[in-house]
Amino acid sequence: MTVEAQMDGKGAARRAVVSLAILAVLTALLFLAVPDAFYPWIKAFHVIAVISWMAGMLYLPRLFVYHSQASAGSAENETFKVMERRLLRLIINPAMLATWMFGLWLAWRGFGFSGGWLHAKIAAVIVLSGVHGYFSRAVRLFAADSNVKPARHWRMVNEVPTVLMIAIVILVIVKPF
């Protein structure tokens, strides 16, 4: 990786951290200024975080499909490494943390952690977090040129976040139990 690419990555990471810090400060100010209006804002932040997390979780395995077909040491291979690392570190990881943080607060404040649908939703989100961990490990393996999974594997794994997302949305909207 070139020095320029490393500097661009560090700048992007710095901007992401500053953005998250600004969001945290604004959230705290909102809570202190207007506590009654806090719930819908947290709900909005939660939805934004979920959308960001899911976008990354749907895109990353697609990158793995293409990356698994690239030759080790090629320019294409190195480009995929940068793309995967940045997507994971700058979008997926922060979005997952924000999703959990806001979601747990909403579950506590809005529902007192009660309801079968909520327990099932949390279980599905735990499974999705496990898939996230699997993808994180894959990023490390691809970075070390140690991936042994074929493109077919990544095409099939690409569907897992979609199935979990569908289940989670149905549980939240329909609340079947």
N, C-alpha and C. Protein backbone atom coordinates (compact mmCIF):
# COMPACT_ATOMS: atom_id res chain seq x y z
N MET A 1 0.85 -1.17 0.00
CA MET A 1 0.00 0.00 0.00
C MET A 1 0.89 1.23 0.00
N THR A 2 0.52 2.23 -0.77
CA THR A 2 1.33 3.43 -0.87
C THR A 2 1.14 4.31 0.36
N VAL A 3 2.08 5.22 0.54
CA VAL A 3 1.99 6.16 1.67
C VAL A 3 0.76 7.04 1.51
N GLU A 4 0.45 7.42 0.26
CA GLU A 4 -0.74 8.25 0.02
C GLU A 4 -2.01 7.52 0.44
N ALA A 5 -2.09 6.24 0.11
CA ALA A 5 -3.28 5.46 0.49
C ALA A 5 -3.39 5.35 2.00
N GLN A 6 -2.26 5.18 2.68
CA GLN A 6 -2.29 5.11 4.14
C GLN A 6 -2.75 6.43 4.73
N MET A 7 -2.26 7.53 4.18
CA MET A 7 -2.66 8.85 4.69
C MET A 7 -4.14 9.10 4.44
N ASP A 8 -4.65 8.70 3.25
CA ASP A 8 -6.08 8.85 2.97
C ASP A 8 -6.90 8.04 3.96
N GLY A 9 -6.45 6.83 4.27
CA GLY A 9 -7.15 5.98 5.23
C GLY A 9 -7.16 6.58 6.62
N LYS A 10 -6.02 7.15 7.04
CA LYS A 10 -5.94 7.78 8.35
C LYS A 10 -6.83 9.00 8.41
N GLY A 11 -6.89 9.76 7.33
CA GLY A 11 -7.76 10.93 7.29
C GLY A 11 -9.22 10.53 7.36
N ALA A 12 -9.57 9.47 6.66
CA ALA A 12 -10.96 8.97 6.69
C ALA A 12 -11.31 8.47 8.08
N ALA A 13 -10.38 7.77 8.71
CA ALA A 13 -10.63 7.28 10.07
C ALA A 13 -10.80 8.45 11.04
N ARG A 14 -9.97 9.45 10.89
CA ARG A 14 -10.07 10.63 11.75
C ARG A 14 -11.41 11.33 11.57
N ARG A 15 -11.85 11.46 10.32
CA ARG A 15 -13.15 12.09 10.05
C ARG A 15 -14.29 11.27 10.64
N ALA A 16 -14.20 9.95 10.55
CA ALA A 16 -15.24 9.08 11.11
C ALA A 16 -15.32 9.23 12.62
N VAL A 17 -14.16 9.26 13.28
CA VAL A 17 -14.13 9.41 14.74
C VAL A 17 -14.68 10.78 15.14
N VAL A 18 -14.29 11.82 14.44
CA VAL A 18 -14.80 13.17 14.75
C VAL A 18 -16.31 13.22 14.54
N SER A 19 -16.79 12.62 13.47
CA SER A 19 -18.24 12.60 13.21
C SER A 19 -18.99 11.87 14.32
N LEU A 20 -18.47 10.73 14.76
CA LEU A 20 -19.12 9.99 15.85
C LEU A 20 -19.08 10.78 17.15
N ALA A 21 -17.98 11.48 17.41
CA ALA A 21 -17.88 12.28 18.62
C ALA A 21 -18.89 13.43 18.59
N ILE A 22 -19.03 14.08 17.44
CA ILE A 22 -20.01 15.16 17.30
C ILE A 22 -21.42 14.61 17.52
N LEU A 23 -21.71 13.45 16.93
CA LEU A 23 -23.02 12.82 17.13
C LEU A 23 -23.27 12.54 18.61
N ALA A 24 -22.27 12.03 19.31
CA ALA A 24 -22.42 11.73 20.73
C ALA A 24 -22.67 13.00 21.54
N VAL A 25 -21.95 14.06 21.25
CA VAL A 25 -22.13 15.32 21.97
C VAL A 25 -23.51 15.90 21.70
N LEU A 26 -23.92 15.91 20.43
CA LEU A 26 -25.26 16.43 20.10
C LEU A 26 -26.36 15.59 20.74
N THR A 27 -26.17 14.29 20.80
CA THR A 27 -27.15 13.41 21.44
C THR A 27 -27.25 13.73 22.93
N ALA A 28 -26.10 13.90 23.58
CA ALA A 28 -26.10 14.22 25.01
C ALA A 28 -26.76 15.58 25.26
N LEU A 29 -26.47 16.57 24.41
CA LEU A 29 -27.10 17.89 24.56
C LEU A 29 -28.61 17.80 24.37
N LEU A 30 -29.05 17.02 23.41
CA LEU A 30 -30.48 16.85 23.19
C LEU A 30 -31.13 16.23 24.42
N PHE A 31 -30.49 15.22 24.98
CA PHE A 31 -31.03 14.56 26.16
C PHE A 31 -31.14 15.54 27.32
N LEU A 32 -30.12 16.37 27.51
CA LEU A 32 -30.13 17.34 28.61
C LEU A 32 -31.13 18.46 28.37
N ALA A 33 -31.25 18.90 27.11
CA ALA A 33 -32.12 20.03 26.80
C ALA A 33 -33.59 19.64 26.74
N VAL A 34 -33.92 18.54 26.12
CA VAL A 34 -35.31 18.16 25.91
C VAL A 34 -35.45 16.65 26.12
N PRO A 35 -35.47 16.20 27.39
CA PRO A 35 -35.52 14.76 27.63
C PRO A 35 -36.74 14.06 27.03
N ASP A 36 -37.89 14.74 26.97
CA ASP A 36 -39.10 14.12 26.44
C ASP A 36 -39.01 13.87 24.93
N ALA A 37 -38.21 14.66 24.23
CA ALA A 37 -38.06 14.51 22.78
C ALA A 37 -36.91 13.56 22.42
N PHE A 38 -36.28 13.00 23.42
CA PHE A 38 -35.08 12.18 23.21
C PHE A 38 -35.40 10.85 22.55
N TYR A 39 -36.48 10.19 22.93
CA TYR A 39 -36.80 8.85 22.42
C TYR A 39 -36.90 8.79 20.89
N PRO A 40 -37.68 9.67 20.25
CA PRO A 40 -37.76 9.57 18.78
C PRO A 40 -36.42 9.85 18.09
N TRP A 41 -35.60 10.70 18.70
CA TRP A 41 -34.28 10.97 18.12
C TRP A 41 -33.38 9.74 18.21
N ILE A 42 -33.42 9.08 19.35
CA ILE A 42 -32.63 7.85 19.50
C ILE A 42 -33.13 6.79 18.53
N LYS A 43 -34.44 6.72 18.37
CA LYS A 43 -35.02 5.77 17.42
C LYS A 43 -34.53 6.08 16.00
N ALA A 44 -34.50 7.36 15.64
CA ALA A 44 -34.00 7.76 14.32
C ALA A 44 -32.53 7.39 14.17
N PHE A 45 -31.72 7.68 15.18
CA PHE A 45 -30.29 7.33 15.12
C PHE A 45 -30.11 5.82 15.01
N HIS A 46 -30.97 5.07 15.71
CA HIS A 46 -30.90 3.61 15.65
C HIS A 46 -31.18 3.13 14.22
N VAL A 47 -32.20 3.66 13.59
CA VAL A 47 -32.55 3.25 12.23
C VAL A 47 -31.43 3.62 11.26
N ILE A 48 -30.85 4.80 11.42
CA ILE A 48 -29.73 5.22 10.56
C ILE A 48 -28.55 4.26 10.75
N ALA A 49 -28.25 3.90 11.99
CA ALA A 49 -27.15 2.98 12.27
C ALA A 49 -27.42 1.61 11.67
N VAL A 50 -28.66 1.13 11.79
CA VAL A 50 -29.02 -0.18 11.23
C VAL A 50 -28.86 -0.17 9.71
N ILE A 51 -29.32 0.89 9.06
CA ILE A 51 -29.19 0.99 7.60
C ILE A 51 -27.72 0.97 7.20
N SER A 52 -26.90 1.71 7.92
CA SER A 52 -25.46 1.75 7.62
C SER A 52 -24.82 0.39 7.83
N TRP A 53 -25.16 -0.26 8.93
CA TRP A 53 -24.61 -1.57 9.25
C TRP A 53 -25.01 -2.58 8.16
N MET A 54 -26.29 -2.59 7.81
CA MET A 54 -26.77 -3.54 6.81
C MET A 54 -26.16 -3.27 5.44
N ALA A 55 -26.00 -2.00 5.08
CA ALA A 55 -25.38 -1.69 3.78
C ALA A 55 -23.99 -2.32 3.71
N GLY A 56 -23.22 -2.16 4.77
CA GLY A 56 -21.89 -2.76 4.80
C GLY A 56 -21.92 -4.27 4.84
N MET A 57 -22.85 -4.83 5.61
CA MET A 57 -22.95 -6.29 5.73
C MET A 57 -23.41 -6.94 4.41
N LEU A 58 -24.11 -6.19 3.59
CA LEU A 58 -24.53 -6.71 2.30
C LEU A 58 -23.45 -6.53 1.24
N TYR A 59 -22.64 -5.49 1.38
CA TYR A 59 -21.61 -5.19 0.38
C TYR A 59 -20.31 -5.97 0.62
N LEU A 60 -19.92 -6.14 1.88
CA LEU A 60 -18.63 -6.77 2.18
C LEU A 60 -18.51 -8.18 1.60
N PRO A 61 -19.49 -9.07 1.78
CA PRO A 61 -19.32 -10.39 1.17
C PRO A 61 -19.30 -10.35 -0.36
N ARG A 62 -19.93 -9.35 -0.94
CA ARG A 62 -19.86 -9.19 -2.40
C ARG A 62 -18.41 -8.85 -2.79
N LEU A 63 -17.74 -8.03 -2.00
CA LEU A 63 -16.32 -7.76 -2.25
C LEU A 63 -15.52 -9.05 -2.11
N PHE A 64 -15.87 -9.89 -1.13
CA PHE A 64 -15.17 -11.16 -0.96
C PHE A 64 -15.30 -12.05 -2.19
N VAL A 65 -16.48 -12.02 -2.82
CA VAL A 65 -16.69 -12.82 -4.03
C VAL A 65 -15.65 -12.43 -5.08
N TYR A 66 -15.52 -11.13 -5.33
CA TYR A 66 -14.59 -10.65 -6.34
C TYR A 66 -13.14 -10.84 -5.89
N HIS A 67 -12.89 -10.58 -4.61
CA HIS A 67 -11.53 -10.69 -4.08
C HIS A 67 -11.02 -12.12 -4.17
N SER A 68 -11.89 -13.09 -3.92
CA SER A 68 -11.47 -14.49 -3.96
C SER A 68 -11.05 -14.91 -5.36
N GLN A 69 -11.44 -14.14 -6.37
CA GLN A 69 -11.08 -14.45 -7.75
C GLN A 69 -9.84 -13.69 -8.21
N ALA A 70 -9.33 -12.78 -7.38
CA ALA A 70 -8.15 -11.99 -7.74
C ALA A 70 -6.87 -12.75 -7.39
N SER A 71 -5.86 -12.58 -8.18
CA SER A 71 -4.58 -13.25 -7.93
C SER A 71 -3.84 -12.56 -6.80
N ALA A 72 -3.23 -13.36 -5.92
CA ALA A 72 -2.44 -12.81 -4.81
C ALA A 72 -1.31 -11.95 -5.39
N GLY A 73 -1.11 -10.80 -4.79
CA GLY A 73 -0.05 -9.90 -5.22
C GLY A 73 -0.43 -8.96 -6.35
N SER A 74 -1.60 -9.17 -6.95
CA SER A 74 -2.02 -8.29 -8.05
C SER A 74 -2.50 -6.95 -7.50
N ALA A 75 -2.54 -5.96 -8.38
CA ALA A 75 -3.05 -4.64 -7.98
C ALA A 75 -4.51 -4.74 -7.55
N GLU A 76 -5.27 -5.57 -8.25
CA GLU A 76 -6.67 -5.78 -7.91
C GLU A 76 -6.80 -6.35 -6.49
N ASN A 77 -5.98 -7.31 -6.16
CA ASN A 77 -5.97 -7.93 -4.84
C ASN A 77 -5.71 -6.88 -3.76
N GLU A 78 -4.73 -6.04 -3.99
CA GLU A 78 -4.38 -5.00 -3.02
C GLU A 78 -5.49 -3.97 -2.88
N THR A 79 -6.16 -3.66 -3.97
CA THR A 79 -7.29 -2.71 -3.93
C THR A 79 -8.43 -3.28 -3.09
N PHE A 80 -8.74 -4.56 -3.28
CA PHE A 80 -9.80 -5.18 -2.49
C PHE A 80 -9.45 -5.16 -1.00
N LYS A 81 -8.19 -5.38 -0.66
CA LYS A 81 -7.77 -5.35 0.75
C LYS A 81 -8.08 -3.99 1.38
N VAL A 82 -7.75 -2.92 0.66
CA VAL A 82 -8.01 -1.57 1.16
C VAL A 82 -9.51 -1.33 1.29
N MET A 83 -10.26 -1.71 0.27
CA MET A 83 -11.72 -1.50 0.29
C MET A 83 -12.36 -2.24 1.46
N GLU A 84 -11.98 -3.49 1.65
CA GLU A 84 -12.58 -4.30 2.72
C GLU A 84 -12.23 -3.74 4.09
N ARG A 85 -10.96 -3.39 4.28
CA ARG A 85 -10.53 -2.86 5.58
C ARG A 85 -11.26 -1.55 5.91
N ARG A 86 -11.33 -0.66 4.94
CA ARG A 86 -12.00 0.62 5.17
C ARG A 86 -13.49 0.45 5.42
N LEU A 87 -14.13 -0.40 4.63
CA LEU A 87 -15.55 -0.65 4.83
C LEU A 87 -15.82 -1.19 6.23
N LEU A 88 -15.01 -2.15 6.66
CA LEU A 88 -15.19 -2.74 7.98
C LEU A 88 -14.93 -1.72 9.09
N ARG A 89 -13.79 -1.06 9.03
CA ARG A 89 -13.38 -0.18 10.13
C ARG A 89 -14.14 1.14 10.18
N LEU A 90 -14.45 1.69 9.03
CA LEU A 90 -15.03 3.04 9.01
C LEU A 90 -16.55 3.06 8.92
N ILE A 91 -17.15 1.98 8.48
CA ILE A 91 -18.61 1.98 8.35
C ILE A 91 -19.23 0.87 9.19
N ILE A 92 -18.85 -0.37 8.93
CA ILE A 92 -19.56 -1.49 9.54
C ILE A 92 -19.36 -1.54 11.06
N ASN A 93 -18.12 -1.45 11.53
CA ASN A 93 -17.89 -1.52 12.98
C ASN A 93 -18.57 -0.40 13.75
N PRO A 94 -18.38 0.88 13.35
CA PRO A 94 -19.07 1.95 14.09
C PRO A 94 -20.59 1.83 14.01
N ALA A 95 -21.11 1.42 12.85
CA ALA A 95 -22.56 1.29 12.70
C ALA A 95 -23.10 0.18 13.59
N MET A 96 -22.37 -0.93 13.71
CA MET A 96 -22.82 -2.01 14.59
C MET A 96 -22.83 -1.53 16.04
N LEU A 97 -21.78 -0.84 16.45
CA LEU A 97 -21.73 -0.34 17.83
C LEU A 97 -22.87 0.63 18.11
N ALA A 98 -23.13 1.54 17.18
CA ALA A 98 -24.23 2.49 17.36
C ALA A 98 -25.57 1.78 17.37
N THR A 99 -25.74 0.77 16.51
CA THR A 99 -26.98 -0.01 16.48
C THR A 99 -27.24 -0.64 17.84
N TRP A 100 -26.22 -1.30 18.39
CA TRP A 100 -26.37 -1.94 19.70
C TRP A 100 -26.64 -0.92 20.80
N MET A 101 -25.88 0.16 20.80
CA MET A 101 -26.01 1.17 21.85
C MET A 101 -27.43 1.77 21.85
N PHE A 102 -27.86 2.25 20.70
CA PHE A 102 -29.19 2.86 20.61
C PHE A 102 -30.29 1.82 20.78
N GLY A 103 -30.09 0.63 20.21
CA GLY A 103 -31.11 -0.42 20.31
C GLY A 103 -31.34 -0.90 21.73
N LEU A 104 -30.26 -1.09 22.48
CA LEU A 104 -30.43 -1.52 23.87
C LEU A 104 -31.12 -0.44 24.70
N TRP A 105 -30.78 0.82 24.44
CA TRP A 105 -31.44 1.91 25.16
C TRP A 105 -32.94 1.91 24.83
N LEU A 106 -33.28 1.74 23.55
CA LEU A 106 -34.69 1.71 23.15
C LEU A 106 -35.41 0.52 23.77
N ALA A 107 -34.76 -0.64 23.80
CA ALA A 107 -35.38 -1.84 24.39
C ALA A 107 -35.65 -1.63 25.87
N TRP A 108 -34.73 -0.97 26.55
CA TRP A 108 -34.89 -0.71 27.97
C TRP A 108 -35.96 0.37 28.20
N ARG A 109 -35.80 1.49 27.53
CA ARG A 109 -36.68 2.64 27.77
C ARG A 109 -38.09 2.42 27.22
N GLY A 110 -38.20 1.82 26.06
CA GLY A 110 -39.50 1.68 25.42
C GLY A 110 -40.27 0.43 25.80
N PHE A 111 -39.54 -0.64 26.13
CA PHE A 111 -40.22 -1.92 26.34
C PHE A 111 -39.81 -2.63 27.62
N GLY A 112 -38.88 -2.07 28.36
CA GLY A 112 -38.43 -2.71 29.59
C GLY A 112 -37.88 -4.10 29.35
N PHE A 113 -37.30 -4.30 28.17
CA PHE A 113 -36.75 -5.59 27.76
C PHE A 113 -37.79 -6.71 27.83
N SER A 114 -39.07 -6.37 27.64
CA SER A 114 -40.11 -7.42 27.69
C SER A 114 -40.74 -7.60 26.32
N GLY A 115 -41.28 -8.76 26.10
CA GLY A 115 -41.95 -9.09 24.85
C GLY A 115 -41.20 -10.16 24.10
N GLY A 116 -41.92 -11.21 23.73
CA GLY A 116 -41.29 -12.32 23.02
C GLY A 116 -40.67 -11.88 21.71
N TRP A 117 -41.34 -10.97 21.00
CA TRP A 117 -40.81 -10.49 19.73
C TRP A 117 -39.48 -9.80 19.95
N LEU A 118 -39.35 -9.04 21.06
CA LEU A 118 -38.11 -8.32 21.34
C LEU A 118 -36.98 -9.29 21.65
N HIS A 119 -37.29 -10.34 22.41
CA HIS A 119 -36.27 -11.35 22.72
C HIS A 119 -35.81 -12.05 21.44
N ALA A 120 -36.75 -12.37 20.55
CA ALA A 120 -36.39 -13.00 19.28
C ALA A 120 -35.57 -12.05 18.41
N LYS A 121 -35.94 -10.77 18.43
CA LYS A 121 -35.19 -9.78 17.65
C LYS A 121 -33.77 -9.68 18.17
N ILE A 122 -33.61 -9.58 19.48
CA ILE A 122 -32.27 -9.49 20.06
C ILE A 122 -31.46 -10.74 19.72
N ALA A 123 -32.09 -11.90 19.76
CA ALA A 123 -31.39 -13.14 19.38
C ALA A 123 -30.93 -13.08 17.93
N ALA A 124 -31.78 -12.57 17.04
CA ALA A 124 -31.41 -12.46 15.63
C ALA A 124 -30.27 -11.45 15.45
N VAL A 125 -30.28 -10.37 16.22
CA VAL A 125 -29.21 -9.37 16.14
C VAL A 125 -27.90 -9.95 16.69
N ILE A 126 -27.99 -10.81 17.69
CA ILE A 126 -26.79 -11.50 18.19
C ILE A 126 -26.21 -12.39 17.09
N VAL A 127 -27.07 -13.11 16.38
CA VAL A 127 -26.60 -13.94 15.26
C VAL A 127 -25.97 -13.06 14.18
N LEU A 128 -26.61 -11.93 13.86
CA LEU A 128 -26.06 -11.00 12.87
C LEU A 128 -24.69 -10.48 13.33
N SER A 129 -24.54 -10.23 14.62
CA SER A 129 -23.25 -9.80 15.16
C SER A 129 -22.21 -10.91 15.01
N GLY A 130 -22.64 -12.15 15.14
CA GLY A 130 -21.73 -13.27 14.90
C GLY A 130 -21.28 -13.33 13.44
N VAL A 131 -22.21 -13.07 12.52
CA VAL A 131 -21.86 -13.00 11.10
C VAL A 131 -20.87 -11.86 10.88
N HIS A 132 -21.10 -10.76 11.55
CA HIS A 132 -20.18 -9.62 11.48
C HIS A 132 -18.77 -10.06 11.91
N GLY A 133 -18.70 -10.81 12.99
CA GLY A 133 -17.41 -11.33 13.46
C GLY A 133 -16.77 -12.25 12.42
N TYR A 134 -17.58 -13.08 11.78
CA TYR A 134 -17.08 -13.97 10.73
C TYR A 134 -16.50 -13.15 9.57
N PHE A 135 -17.20 -12.08 9.20
CA PHE A 135 -16.72 -11.20 8.13
C PHE A 135 -15.43 -10.49 8.55
N SER A 136 -15.34 -10.09 9.81
CA SER A 136 -14.13 -9.43 10.31
C SER A 136 -12.93 -10.37 10.20
N ARG A 137 -13.15 -11.62 10.56
CA ARG A 137 -12.07 -12.61 10.44
C ARG A 137 -11.69 -12.79 8.98
N ALA A 138 -12.68 -12.81 8.09
CA ALA A 138 -12.40 -12.97 6.66
C ALA A 138 -11.58 -11.80 6.13
N VAL A 139 -11.86 -10.59 6.60
CA VAL A 139 -11.07 -9.43 6.18
C VAL A 139 -9.60 -9.64 6.56
N ARG A 140 -9.37 -10.13 7.78
CA ARG A 140 -7.99 -10.39 8.22
C ARG A 140 -7.34 -11.48 7.37
N LEU A 141 -8.09 -12.53 7.04
CA LEU A 141 -7.54 -13.61 6.22
C LEU A 141 -7.22 -13.13 4.80
N PHE A 142 -8.13 -12.36 4.22
CA PHE A 142 -7.86 -11.80 2.89
C PHE A 142 -6.65 -10.88 2.93
N ALA A 143 -6.53 -10.06 3.98
CA ALA A 143 -5.39 -9.14 4.10
C ALA A 143 -4.07 -9.89 4.16
N ALA A 144 -4.08 -11.09 4.73
CA ALA A 144 -2.87 -11.91 4.83
C ALA A 144 -2.73 -12.87 3.65
N ASP A 145 -3.59 -12.70 2.62
CA ASP A 145 -3.61 -13.61 1.47
C ASP A 145 -3.80 -15.06 1.90
N SER A 146 -4.64 -15.26 2.92
CA SER A 146 -4.86 -16.61 3.46
C SER A 146 -6.28 -17.12 3.26
N ASN A 147 -7.08 -16.45 2.44
CA ASN A 147 -8.44 -16.93 2.20
C ASN A 147 -8.40 -18.24 1.44
N VAL A 148 -9.16 -19.22 1.90
CA VAL A 148 -9.24 -20.50 1.20
C VAL A 148 -10.66 -20.78 0.70
N LYS A 149 -11.59 -19.87 0.99
CA LYS A 149 -12.98 -20.05 0.60
C LYS A 149 -13.17 -19.61 -0.86
N PRO A 150 -13.91 -20.40 -1.65
CA PRO A 150 -14.15 -20.02 -3.05
C PRO A 150 -15.23 -18.94 -3.15
N ALA A 151 -15.33 -18.37 -4.32
CA ALA A 151 -16.34 -17.33 -4.58
C ALA A 151 -17.75 -17.86 -4.30
N ARG A 152 -17.99 -19.13 -4.59
CA ARG A 152 -19.32 -19.73 -4.35
C ARG A 152 -19.70 -19.64 -2.87
N HIS A 153 -18.75 -19.90 -1.99
CA HIS A 153 -19.01 -19.79 -0.54
C HIS A 153 -19.46 -18.37 -0.19
N TRP A 154 -18.75 -17.38 -0.71
CA TRP A 154 -19.08 -15.99 -0.37
C TRP A 154 -20.41 -15.56 -0.99
N ARG A 155 -20.76 -16.13 -2.13
CA ARG A 155 -22.08 -15.84 -2.71
C ARG A 155 -23.20 -16.36 -1.81
N MET A 156 -23.00 -17.54 -1.26
CA MET A 156 -24.02 -18.12 -0.37
C MET A 156 -24.06 -17.36 0.96
N VAL A 157 -22.90 -17.05 1.52
CA VAL A 157 -22.84 -16.33 2.80
C VAL A 157 -23.43 -14.93 2.65
N ASN A 158 -23.36 -14.39 1.45
CA ASN A 158 -23.90 -13.06 1.19
C ASN A 158 -25.40 -12.97 1.49
N GLU A 159 -26.10 -14.11 1.46
CA GLU A 159 -27.54 -14.13 1.70
C GLU A 159 -27.90 -14.14 3.19
N VAL A 160 -26.97 -14.53 4.04
CA VAL A 160 -27.27 -14.65 5.48
C VAL A 160 -27.71 -13.32 6.10
N PRO A 161 -26.98 -12.20 5.88
CA PRO A 161 -27.47 -10.94 6.45
C PRO A 161 -28.85 -10.54 5.93
N THR A 162 -29.13 -10.86 4.69
CA THR A 162 -30.45 -10.53 4.12
C THR A 162 -31.55 -11.28 4.84
N VAL A 163 -31.37 -12.58 5.05
CA VAL A 163 -32.38 -13.39 5.73
C VAL A 163 -32.57 -12.88 7.16
N LEU A 164 -31.48 -12.59 7.84
CA LEU A 164 -31.59 -12.07 9.22
C LEU A 164 -32.30 -10.71 9.24
N MET A 165 -31.98 -9.85 8.28
CA MET A 165 -32.62 -8.54 8.21
C MET A 165 -34.13 -8.69 8.01
N ILE A 166 -34.54 -9.59 7.13
CA ILE A 166 -35.97 -9.81 6.90
C ILE A 166 -36.65 -10.27 8.19
N ALA A 167 -36.04 -11.22 8.88
CA ALA A 167 -36.61 -11.71 10.14
C ALA A 167 -36.71 -10.58 11.17
N ILE A 168 -35.67 -9.79 11.29
CA ILE A 168 -35.66 -8.70 12.28
C ILE A 168 -36.74 -7.67 11.96
N VAL A 169 -36.85 -7.28 10.71
CA VAL A 169 -37.87 -6.28 10.33
C VAL A 169 -39.27 -6.82 10.60
N ILE A 170 -39.52 -8.07 10.26
CA ILE A 170 -40.84 -8.66 10.54
C ILE A 170 -41.12 -8.67 12.04
N LEU A 171 -40.12 -9.06 12.82
CA LEU A 171 -40.33 -9.06 14.29
C LEU A 171 -40.64 -7.67 14.81
N VAL A 172 -39.97 -6.65 14.31
CA VAL A 172 -40.18 -5.28 14.80
C VAL A 172 -41.52 -4.72 14.35
N ILE A 173 -41.89 -4.95 13.11
CA ILE A 173 -43.11 -4.34 12.56
C ILE A 173 -44.36 -5.15 12.95
N VAL A 174 -44.32 -6.45 12.78
CA VAL A 174 -45.49 -7.29 13.01
C VAL A 174 -45.66 -7.63 14.48
N LYS A 175 -44.55 -7.78 15.21
CA LYS A 175 -44.55 -8.21 16.63
C LYS A 175 -45.45 -9.44 16.78
N PRO A 176 -45.07 -10.55 16.15
CA PRO A 176 -45.95 -11.73 16.11
C PRO A 176 -46.19 -12.41 17.46
N PHE A 177 -45.37 -12.18 18.44
CA PHE A 177 -45.58 -12.77 19.77
C PHE A 177 -44.95 -11.91 20.84
